[in-house]
Amino acid sequence: MQASVFGSRLDDEGSGGDLDILLQIPHPVDNPAWLAAQFSARVSRVVDGRKVDVLLIAPNLQRLPIHDIALSRGQLL
């Protein structure tokens, strides 16, 4: 699994609020909403309750334009 941060938190001059994370998972995901929610909650606890949005890429999930944006502009963790 690879994780990247993308979105407003990468802009040093901006004041973005939430943390946007892209998770690239190499195998099919049975319950993507549950996985994203669990990951978001865990990271949120680590970053003092800041809102965390999680976007998933997996072989069985539909790929949308936001995925391409996250891939092209994100920074690997």
PDB file of N, CA and C in Angstrom:
ATOM      1  N   MET A   1       0.854  -1.171   0.000  1.00  0.00           N
ATOM      2  CA  MET A   1       0.000   0.000   0.000  1.00  0.00           C
ATOM      3  C   MET A   1       0.902   1.237   0.000  1.00  0.00           C
ATOM      4  N   GLN A   2       0.508   2.241  -0.764  1.00  0.00           N
ATOM      5  CA  GLN A   2       1.191   3.531  -0.775  1.00  0.00           C
ATOM      6  C   GLN A   2       0.220   4.605  -0.303  1.00  0.00           C
ATOM      7  N   ALA A   3       0.732   5.569   0.419  1.00  0.00           N
ATOM      8  CA  ALA A   3      -0.087   6.685   0.883  1.00  0.00           C
ATOM      9  C   ALA A   3       0.544   7.989   0.427  1.00  0.00           C
ATOM     10  N   SER A   4      -0.293   8.907  -0.042  1.00  0.00           N
ATOM     11  CA  SER A   4       0.149  10.227  -0.484  1.00  0.00           C
ATOM     12  C   SER A   4      -0.753  11.282   0.122  1.00  0.00           C
ATOM     13  N   VAL A   5      -0.169  12.452   0.360  1.00  0.00           N
ATOM     14  CA  VAL A   5      -0.943  13.616   0.774  1.00  0.00           C
ATOM     15  C   VAL A   5      -1.120  14.483  -0.460  1.00  0.00           C
ATOM     16  N   PHE A   6      -2.323  15.006  -0.644  1.00  0.00           N
ATOM     17  CA  PHE A   6      -2.592  15.904  -1.755  1.00  0.00           C
ATOM     18  C   PHE A   6      -3.534  16.992  -1.271  1.00  0.00           C
ATOM     19  N   GLY A   7      -3.756  17.980  -2.120  1.00  0.00           N
ATOM     20  CA  GLY A   7      -4.725  19.027  -1.786  1.00  0.00           C
ATOM     21  C   GLY A   7      -4.108  20.208  -1.079  1.00  0.00           C
ATOM     22  N   SER A   8      -4.953  20.941  -0.384  1.00  0.00           N
ATOM     23  CA  SER A   8      -4.586  22.245   0.180  1.00  0.00           C
ATOM     24  C   SER A   8      -3.480  22.174   1.231  1.00  0.00           C
ATOM     25  N   ARG A   9      -3.315  21.072   1.908  1.00  0.00           N
ATOM     26  CA  ARG A   9      -2.288  20.979   2.952  1.00  0.00           C
ATOM     27  C   ARG A   9      -0.876  20.998   2.390  1.00  0.00           C
ATOM     28  N   LEU A  10      -0.722  20.830   1.077  1.00  0.00           N
ATOM     29  CA  LEU A  10       0.601  20.898   0.459  1.00  0.00           C
ATOM     30  C   LEU A  10       1.003  22.328   0.114  1.00  0.00           C
ATOM     31  N   ASP A  11       0.074  23.250   0.202  1.00  0.00           N
ATOM     32  CA  ASP A  11       0.338  24.655  -0.133  1.00  0.00           C
ATOM     33  C   ASP A  11       0.801  25.387   1.120  1.00  0.00           C
ATOM     34  N   ASP A  12       2.104  25.702   1.181  1.00  0.00           N
ATOM     35  CA  ASP A  12       2.656  26.373   2.363  1.00  0.00           C
ATOM     36  C   ASP A  12       2.056  27.751   2.608  1.00  0.00           C
ATOM     37  N   GLU A  13       1.580  28.390   1.546  1.00  0.00           N
ATOM     38  CA  GLU A  13       1.024  29.731   1.693  1.00  0.00           C
ATOM     39  C   GLU A  13      -0.487  29.711   1.934  1.00  0.00           C
ATOM     40  N   GLY A  14      -1.093  28.572   1.754  1.00  0.00           N
ATOM     41  CA  GLY A  14      -2.531  28.448   1.972  1.00  0.00           C
ATOM     42  C   GLY A  14      -2.825  28.107   3.418  1.00  0.00           C
ATOM     43  N   SER A  15      -4.082  28.106   3.735  1.00  0.00           N
ATOM     44  CA  SER A  15      -4.469  27.753   5.099  1.00  0.00           C
ATOM     45  C   SER A  15      -5.519  26.645   5.055  1.00  0.00           C
ATOM     46  N   GLY A  16      -5.203  25.604   4.327  1.00  0.00           N
ATOM     47  CA  GLY A  16      -6.132  24.486   4.180  1.00  0.00           C
ATOM     48  C   GLY A  16      -6.467  23.855   5.507  1.00  0.00           C
ATOM     49  N   GLY A  17      -7.667  23.367   5.614  1.00  0.00           N
ATOM     50  CA  GLY A  17      -8.116  22.808   6.872  1.00  0.00           C
ATOM     51  C   GLY A  17      -7.940  21.310   6.982  1.00  0.00           C
ATOM     52  N   ASP A  18      -8.546  20.568   6.074  1.00  0.00           N
ATOM     53  CA  ASP A  18      -8.513  19.115   6.211  1.00  0.00           C
ATOM     54  C   ASP A  18      -7.264  18.543   5.567  1.00  0.00           C
ATOM     55  N   LEU A  19      -6.998  17.291   5.879  1.00  0.00           N
ATOM     56  CA  LEU A  19      -5.867  16.555   5.341  1.00  0.00           C
ATOM     57  C   LEU A  19      -6.425  15.561   4.329  1.00  0.00           C
ATOM     58  N   ASP A  20      -5.956  15.648   3.083  1.00  0.00           N
ATOM     59  CA  ASP A  20      -6.417  14.752   2.022  1.00  0.00           C
ATOM     60  C   ASP A  20      -5.354  13.690   1.777  1.00  0.00           C
ATOM     61  N   ILE A  21      -5.745  12.420   1.904  1.00  0.00           N
ATOM     62  CA  ILE A  21      -4.813  11.311   1.738  1.00  0.00           C
ATOM     63  C   ILE A  21      -5.338  10.366   0.668  1.00  0.00           C
ATOM     64  N   LEU A  22      -4.442   9.962  -0.225  1.00  0.00           N
ATOM     65  CA  LEU A  22      -4.740   8.958  -1.241  1.00  0.00           C
ATOM     66  C   LEU A  22      -4.061   7.661  -0.830  1.00  0.00           C
ATOM     67  N   LEU A  23      -4.838   6.595  -0.749  1.00  0.00           N
ATOM     68  CA  LEU A  23      -4.290   5.269  -0.479  1.00  0.00           C
ATOM     69  C   LEU A  23      -4.371   4.450  -1.759  1.00  0.00           C
ATOM     70  N   GLN A  24      -3.238   3.934  -2.211  1.00  0.00           N
ATOM     71  CA  GLN A  24      -3.196   3.056  -3.367  1.00  0.00           C
ATOM     72  C   GLN A  24      -3.019   1.636  -2.853  1.00  0.00           C
ATOM     73  N   ILE A  25      -4.021   0.819  -3.092  1.00  0.00           N
ATOM     74  CA  ILE A  25      -4.044  -0.543  -2.576  1.00  0.00           C
ATOM     75  C   ILE A  25      -3.953  -1.501  -3.755  1.00  0.00           C
ATOM     76  N   PRO A  26      -2.990  -2.427  -3.755  1.00  0.00           N
ATOM     77  CA  PRO A  26      -2.761  -3.279  -4.920  1.00  0.00           C
ATOM     78  C   PRO A  26      -3.748  -4.440  -5.092  1.00  0.00           C
ATOM     79  N   HIS A  27      -4.615  -4.652  -4.128  1.00  0.00           N
ATOM     80  CA  HIS A  27      -5.572  -5.767  -4.208  1.00  0.00           C
ATOM     81  C   HIS A  27      -7.001  -5.227  -4.095  1.00  0.00           C
ATOM     82  N   PRO A  28      -7.983  -6.000  -4.548  1.00  0.00           N
ATOM     83  CA  PRO A  28      -9.384  -5.557  -4.430  1.00  0.00           C
ATOM     84  C   PRO A  28      -9.765  -5.313  -2.967  1.00  0.00           C
ATOM     85  N   VAL A  29     -10.625  -4.323  -2.773  1.00  0.00           N
ATOM     86  CA  VAL A  29     -11.076  -3.944  -1.436  1.00  0.00           C
ATOM     87  C   VAL A  29     -12.544  -4.335  -1.311  1.00  0.00           C
ATOM     88  N   ASP A  30     -12.875  -5.114  -0.274  1.00  0.00           N
ATOM     89  CA  ASP A  30     -14.248  -5.585  -0.084  1.00  0.00           C
ATOM     90  C   ASP A  30     -15.198  -4.479   0.365  1.00  0.00           C
ATOM     91  N   ASN A  31     -14.774  -3.653   1.287  1.00  0.00           N
ATOM     92  CA  ASN A  31     -15.648  -2.624   1.839  1.00  0.00           C
ATOM     93  C   ASN A  31     -14.884  -1.293   1.877  1.00  0.00           C
ATOM     94  N   PRO A  32     -14.798  -0.602   0.739  1.00  0.00           N
ATOM     95  CA  PRO A  32     -13.970   0.602   0.672  1.00  0.00           C
ATOM     96  C   PRO A  32     -14.409   1.727   1.606  1.00  0.00           C
ATOM     97  N   ALA A  33     -15.702   1.897   1.806  1.00  0.00           N
ATOM     98  CA  ALA A  33     -16.167   2.961   2.695  1.00  0.00           C
ATOM     99  C   ALA A  33     -15.702   2.711   4.131  1.00  0.00           C
ATOM    100  N   TRP A  34     -15.784   1.481   4.572  1.00  0.00           N
ATOM    101  CA  TRP A  34     -15.361   1.122   5.927  1.00  0.00           C
ATOM    102  C   TRP A  34     -13.851   1.299   6.089  1.00  0.00           C
ATOM    103  N   LEU A  35     -13.084   0.864   5.094  1.00  0.00           N
ATOM    104  CA  LEU A  35     -11.632   1.017   5.142  1.00  0.00           C
ATOM    105  C   LEU A  35     -11.246   2.491   5.205  1.00  0.00           C
ATOM    106  N   ALA A  36     -11.847   3.306   4.359  1.00  0.00           N
ATOM    107  CA  ALA A  36     -11.553   4.743   4.346  1.00  0.00           C
ATOM    108  C   ALA A  36     -11.929   5.389   5.678  1.00  0.00           C
ATOM    109  N   ALA A  37     -13.061   5.022   6.231  1.00  0.00           N
ATOM    110  CA  ALA A  37     -13.505   5.587   7.511  1.00  0.00           C
ATOM    111  C   ALA A  37     -12.561   5.194   8.655  1.00  0.00           C
ATOM    112  N   GLN A  38     -12.143   3.938   8.690  1.00  0.00           N
ATOM    113  CA  GLN A  38     -11.219   3.482   9.733  1.00  0.00           C
ATOM    114  C   GLN A  38      -9.888   4.212   9.639  1.00  0.00           C
ATOM    115  N   PHE A  39      -9.347   4.306   8.428  1.00  0.00           N
ATOM    116  CA  PHE A  39      -8.066   4.976   8.230  1.00  0.00           C
ATOM    117  C   PHE A  39      -8.178   6.454   8.611  1.00  0.00           C
ATOM    118  N   SER A  40      -9.255   7.083   8.176  1.00  0.00           N
ATOM    119  CA  SER A  40      -9.477   8.492   8.481  1.00  0.00           C
ATOM    120  C   SER A  40      -9.525   8.725   9.984  1.00  0.00           C
ATOM    121  N   ALA A  41     -10.241   7.894  10.700  1.00  0.00           N
ATOM    122  CA  ALA A  41     -10.361   8.046  12.156  1.00  0.00           C
ATOM    123  C   ALA A  41      -9.016   7.878  12.847  1.00  0.00           C
ATOM    124  N   ARG A  42      -8.235   6.906  12.412  1.00  0.00           N
ATOM    125  CA  ARG A  42      -6.924   6.669  13.031  1.00  0.00           C
ATOM    126  C   ARG A  42      -5.982   7.854  12.803  1.00  0.00           C
ATOM    127  N   VAL A  43      -5.943   8.338  11.576  1.00  0.00           N
ATOM    128  CA  VAL A  43      -5.064   9.471  11.282  1.00  0.00           C
ATOM    129  C   VAL A  43      -5.550  10.724  11.996  1.00  0.00           C
ATOM    130  N   SER A  44      -6.850  10.923  12.054  1.00  0.00           N
ATOM    131  CA  SER A  44      -7.412  12.090  12.722  1.00  0.00           C
ATOM    132  C   SER A  44      -6.981  12.140  14.190  1.00  0.00           C
ATOM    133  N   ARG A  45      -6.958  10.996  14.841  1.00  0.00           N
ATOM    134  CA  ARG A  45      -6.512  10.956  16.242  1.00  0.00           C
ATOM    135  C   ARG A  45      -5.050  11.380  16.364  1.00  0.00           C
ATOM    136  N   VAL A  46      -4.235  10.991  15.393  1.00  0.00           N
ATOM    137  CA  VAL A  46      -2.808  11.323  15.432  1.00  0.00           C
ATOM    138  C   VAL A  46      -2.572  12.808  15.189  1.00  0.00           C
ATOM    139  N   VAL A  47      -3.420  13.431  14.376  1.00  0.00           N
ATOM    140  CA  VAL A  47      -3.237  14.854  14.037  1.00  0.00           C
ATOM    141  C   VAL A  47      -4.198  15.740  14.831  1.00  0.00           C
ATOM    142  N   ASP A  48      -4.425  15.376  16.072  1.00  0.00           N
ATOM    143  CA  ASP A  48      -5.194  16.181  17.024  1.00  0.00           C
ATOM    144  C   ASP A  48      -6.605  16.516  16.553  1.00  0.00           C
ATOM    145  N   GLY A  49      -7.278  15.562  15.933  1.00  0.00           N
ATOM    146  CA  GLY A  49      -8.672  15.735  15.571  1.00  0.00           C
ATOM    147  C   GLY A  49      -8.935  16.462  14.264  1.00  0.00           C
ATOM    148  N   ARG A  50      -7.876  16.797  13.530  1.00  0.00           N
ATOM    149  CA  ARG A  50      -8.071  17.457  12.229  1.00  0.00           C
ATOM    150  C   ARG A  50      -8.862  16.523  11.314  1.00  0.00           C
ATOM    151  N   LYS A  51      -9.736  17.096  10.493  1.00  0.00           N
ATOM    152  CA  LYS A  51     -10.536  16.317   9.562  1.00  0.00           C
ATOM    153  C   LYS A  51      -9.616  15.688   8.511  1.00  0.00           C
ATOM    154  N   VAL A  52      -9.829  14.411   8.240  1.00  0.00           N
ATOM    155  CA  VAL A  52      -9.019  13.668   7.278  1.00  0.00           C
ATOM    156  C   VAL A  52      -9.941  13.054   6.231  1.00  0.00           C
ATOM    157  N   ASP A  53      -9.697  13.405   4.967  1.00  0.00           N
ATOM    158  CA  ASP A  53     -10.429  12.801   3.847  1.00  0.00           C
ATOM    159  C   ASP A  53      -9.539  11.748   3.208  1.00  0.00           C
ATOM    160  N   VAL A  54     -10.100  10.565   2.960  1.00  0.00           N
ATOM    161  CA  VAL A  54      -9.334   9.461   2.380  1.00  0.00           C
ATOM    162  C   VAL A  54      -9.939   9.078   1.045  1.00  0.00           C
ATOM    163  N   LEU A  55      -9.076   8.996   0.054  1.00  0.00           N
ATOM    164  CA  LEU A  55      -9.440   8.587  -1.298  1.00  0.00           C
ATOM    165  C   LEU A  55      -8.710   7.283  -1.569  1.00  0.00           C
ATOM    166  N   LEU A  56      -9.422   6.300  -2.125  1.00  0.00           N
ATOM    167  CA  LEU A  56      -8.828   4.990  -2.377  1.00  0.00           C
ATOM    168  C   LEU A  56      -8.677   4.711  -3.861  1.00  0.00           C
ATOM    169  N   ILE A  57      -7.578   4.060  -4.208  1.00  0.00           N
ATOM    170  CA  ILE A  57      -7.397   3.463  -5.530  1.00  0.00           C
ATOM    171  C   ILE A  57      -7.152   1.982  -5.298  1.00  0.00           C
ATOM    172  N   ALA A  58      -7.956   1.149  -5.927  1.00  0.00           N
ATOM    173  CA  ALA A  58      -7.807  -0.304  -5.853  1.00  0.00           C
ATOM    174  C   ALA A  58      -8.320  -0.884  -7.177  1.00  0.00           C
ATOM    175  N   PRO A  59      -7.879  -2.089  -7.524  1.00  0.00           N
ATOM    176  CA  PRO A  59      -8.256  -2.672  -8.820  1.00  0.00           C
ATOM    177  C   PRO A  59      -9.763  -2.776  -9.057  1.00  0.00           C
ATOM    178  N   ASN A  60     -10.542  -2.926  -8.009  1.00  0.00           N
ATOM    179  CA  ASN A  60     -11.982  -3.124  -8.180  1.00  0.00           C
ATOM    180  C   ASN A  60     -12.805  -1.845  -7.993  1.00  0.00           C
ATOM    181  N   LEU A  61     -12.141  -0.700  -7.836  1.00  0.00           N
ATOM    182  CA  LEU A  61     -12.858   0.548  -7.602  1.00  0.00           C
ATOM    183  C   LEU A  61     -12.822   1.438  -8.837  1.00  0.00           C
ATOM    184  N   GLN A  62     -13.897   2.170  -9.042  1.00  0.00           N
ATOM    185  CA  GLN A  62     -13.983   3.092 -10.171  1.00  0.00           C
ATOM    186  C   GLN A  62     -12.966   4.210 -10.000  1.00  0.00           C
ATOM    187  N   ARG A  63     -12.324   4.560 -11.097  1.00  0.00           N
ATOM    188  CA  ARG A  63     -11.354   5.658 -11.072  1.00  0.00           C
ATOM    189  C   ARG A  63     -12.001   6.913 -11.628  1.00  0.00           C
ATOM    190  N   LEU A  64     -11.861   8.004 -10.879  1.00  0.00           N
ATOM    191  CA  LEU A  64     -12.468   9.274 -11.225  1.00  0.00           C
ATOM    192  C   LEU A  64     -11.382  10.324 -11.461  1.00  0.00           C
ATOM    193  N   PRO A  65     -11.742  11.475 -12.035  1.00  0.00           N
ATOM    194  CA  PRO A  65     -10.748  12.527 -12.265  1.00  0.00           C
ATOM    195  C   PRO A  65     -10.004  12.962 -11.000  1.00  0.00           C
ATOM    196  N   ILE A  66     -10.648  12.929  -9.838  1.00  0.00           N
ATOM    197  CA  ILE A  66      -9.971  13.309  -8.595  1.00  0.00           C
ATOM    198  C   ILE A  66      -8.794  12.382  -8.305  1.00  0.00           C
ATOM    199  N   HIS A  67      -8.894  11.130  -8.712  1.00  0.00           N
ATOM    200  CA  HIS A  67      -7.784  10.198  -8.522  1.00  0.00           C
ATOM    201  C   HIS A  67      -6.558  10.651  -9.317  1.00  0.00           C
ATOM    202  N   ASP A  68      -6.781  11.096 -10.563  1.00  0.00           N
ATOM    203  CA  ASP A  68      -5.674  11.568 -11.400  1.00  0.00           C
ATOM    204  C   ASP A  68      -5.033  12.824 -10.800  1.00  0.00           C
ATOM    205  N   ILE A  69      -5.864  13.707 -10.263  1.00  0.00           N
ATOM    206  CA  ILE A  69      -5.336  14.909  -9.609  1.00  0.00           C
ATOM    207  C   ILE A  69      -4.483  14.519  -8.406  1.00  0.00           C
ATOM    208  N   ALA A  70      -4.999  13.638  -7.590  1.00  0.00           N
ATOM    209  CA  ALA A  70      -4.258  13.207  -6.397  1.00  0.00           C
ATOM    210  C   ALA A  70      -2.942  12.529  -6.777  1.00  0.00           C
ATOM    211  N   LEU A  71      -2.968  11.714  -7.824  1.00  0.00           N
ATOM    212  CA  LEU A  71      -1.742  11.036  -8.258  1.00  0.00           C
ATOM    213  C   LEU A  71      -0.713  12.019  -8.805  1.00  0.00           C
ATOM    214  N   SER A  72      -1.153  12.999  -9.554  1.00  0.00           N
ATOM    215  CA  SER A  72      -0.223  13.911 -10.197  1.00  0.00           C
ATOM    216  C   SER A  72       0.320  14.984  -9.251  1.00  0.00           C
ATOM    217  N   ARG A  73      -0.457  15.354  -8.245  1.00  0.00           N
ATOM    218  CA  ARG A  73      -0.053  16.455  -7.361  1.00  0.00           C
ATOM    219  C   ARG A  73       0.338  16.010  -5.955  1.00  0.00           C
ATOM    220  N   GLY A  74       0.092  14.756  -5.646  1.00  0.00           N
ATOM    221  CA  GLY A  74       0.353  14.280  -4.279  1.00  0.00           C
ATOM    222  C   GLY A  74       1.810  14.037  -3.984  1.00  0.00           C
ATOM    223  N   GLN A  75       2.121  13.980  -2.684  1.00  0.00           N
ATOM    224  CA  GLN A  75       3.456  13.695  -2.190  1.00  0.00           C
ATOM    225  C   GLN A  75       3.399  12.403  -1.379  1.00  0.00           C
ATOM    226  N   LEU A  76       4.231  11.427  -1.761  1.00  0.00           N
ATOM    227  CA  LEU A  76       4.267  10.155  -1.034  1.00  0.00           C
ATOM    228  C   LEU A  76       4.655  10.366   0.424  1.00  0.00           C
ATOM    229  N   LEU A  77       4.030   9.599   1.276  1.00  0.00           N
ATOM    230  CA  LEU A  77       4.389   9.628   2.708  1.00  0.00           C
ATOM    231  C   LEU A  77       5.433   8.559   2.990  1.00  0.00           C
TER     232      LEU A  77
END
